[in-house]
């Protein structure tokens, strides 16, 4: 009933991941990371984790770098630190 709710869309992406539908999960997370207003910081981290699992390291690094920058912009130092550690 609320297709534009950022948190609900993020939760759907996590359900896709649990169901083994990784590509659908990553695509939804990519939308949340780059197209949501404001950008949804946890989406960067979760997409990067899944990309690492798929051995798509360059794309994972891109998500992490962009996510760190966005987290700092939003003063989310905890998220920035977690993504820096994974990077």
Protein backbone atom coordinates (compact mmCIF):
# COMPACT_ATOMS: atom_id res chain seq x y z
CA UNK A 1 0.00 0.00 0.00
CA UNK A 2 3.03 2.30 0.34
CA UNK A 3 5.27 1.51 -2.65
CA UNK A 4 7.50 4.53 -2.09
CA UNK A 5 8.26 3.90 1.58
CA UNK A 6 12.05 3.65 1.74
CA UNK A 7 12.23 1.36 4.75
CA UNK A 8 9.62 -1.02 3.34
CA UNK A 9 11.50 -1.19 0.04
CA UNK A 10 14.72 -1.91 1.94
CA UNK A 11 12.96 -4.68 3.85
CA UNK A 12 11.72 -6.13 0.56
CA UNK A 13 15.30 -6.14 -0.74
CA UNK A 14 16.37 -8.09 2.34
CA UNK A 15 13.56 -10.59 1.73
CA UNK A 16 14.76 -11.03 -1.85
CA UNK A 17 18.21 -11.77 -0.46
CA UNK A 18 16.85 -14.39 1.95
CA UNK A 19 14.94 -16.01 -0.92
CA UNK A 20 18.12 -16.28 -2.97
CA UNK A 21 17.00 -13.64 -5.45
CA UNK A 22 20.23 -11.71 -5.12
CA UNK A 23 20.04 -9.78 -8.37
CA UNK A 24 16.57 -8.43 -7.54
CA UNK A 25 17.82 -7.49 -4.09
CA UNK A 26 20.82 -5.63 -5.48
CA UNK A 27 18.72 -3.77 -8.06
CA UNK A 28 16.29 -2.58 -5.40
CA UNK A 29 19.15 -1.56 -3.11
CA UNK A 30 20.76 0.33 -5.98
CA UNK A 31 17.54 2.30 -6.47
CA UNK A 32 17.44 3.14 -2.76
CA UNK A 33 21.11 4.09 -2.67
CA UNK A 34 21.12 6.35 -5.70
CA UNK A 35 17.54 7.43 -6.38
CA UNK A 36 15.87 7.77 -2.98
CA UNK A 37 15.63 11.20 -1.39
CA UNK A 38 17.52 11.26 0.83
CA UNK A 39 19.78 8.45 -0.32
CA UNK A 40 19.33 5.43 1.95
CA UNK A 41 22.74 4.78 3.50
CA UNK A 42 22.15 1.16 4.64
CA UNK A 43 21.41 0.23 1.01
CA UNK A 44 24.99 1.00 0.00
CA UNK A 45 26.38 -1.36 2.64
CA UNK A 46 23.97 -4.22 1.98
CA UNK A 47 24.45 -4.03 -1.78
CA UNK A 48 28.22 -4.07 -1.31
CA UNK A 49 28.03 -7.13 0.96
CA UNK A 50 26.04 -9.04 -1.64
CA UNK A 51 28.38 -7.97 -4.43
CA UNK A 52 31.35 -9.25 -2.42
CA UNK A 53 29.58 -12.60 -2.07
CA UNK A 54 29.19 -12.64 -5.88
CA UNK A 55 32.89 -11.76 -6.27
CA UNK A 56 31.99 -8.48 -8.00
CA UNK A 57 34.59 -6.58 -6.04
CA UNK A 58 34.98 -3.46 -8.17
CA UNK A 59 31.25 -2.74 -8.07
CA UNK A 60 31.23 -3.46 -4.33
CA UNK A 61 34.05 -0.95 -3.86
CA UNK A 62 32.11 1.65 -5.81
CA UNK A 63 29.07 1.17 -3.56
CA UNK A 64 31.26 1.42 -0.48
CA UNK A 65 33.05 4.59 -1.59
CA UNK A 66 29.77 6.25 -2.55
CA UNK A 67 28.14 5.02 0.65
CA UNK A 68 30.94 6.35 2.85
CA UNK A 69 30.65 9.74 1.20
CA UNK A 70 26.86 9.77 1.61
CA UNK A 71 27.06 8.59 5.22
CA UNK A 72 29.46 11.40 6.04
CA UNK A 73 27.16 13.89 4.30
CA UNK A 74 24.31 12.66 6.52
CA UNK A 75 26.56 12.67 9.63
CA UNK A 76 26.17 8.90 10.01
CA UNK A 77 29.69 8.23 11.25
CA UNK A 78 28.87 4.71 12.43
CA UNK A 79 27.75 3.63 8.94
CA UNK A 80 30.76 5.34 7.37
CA UNK A 81 33.07 3.41 9.72
CA UNK A 82 31.39 0.08 8.96
CA UNK A 83 31.68 0.62 5.23
CA UNK A 84 35.31 1.78 5.58
CA UNK A 85 36.10 -1.44 7.41
CA UNK A 86 34.54 -3.56 4.66
CA UNK A 87 36.30 -1.53 1.98
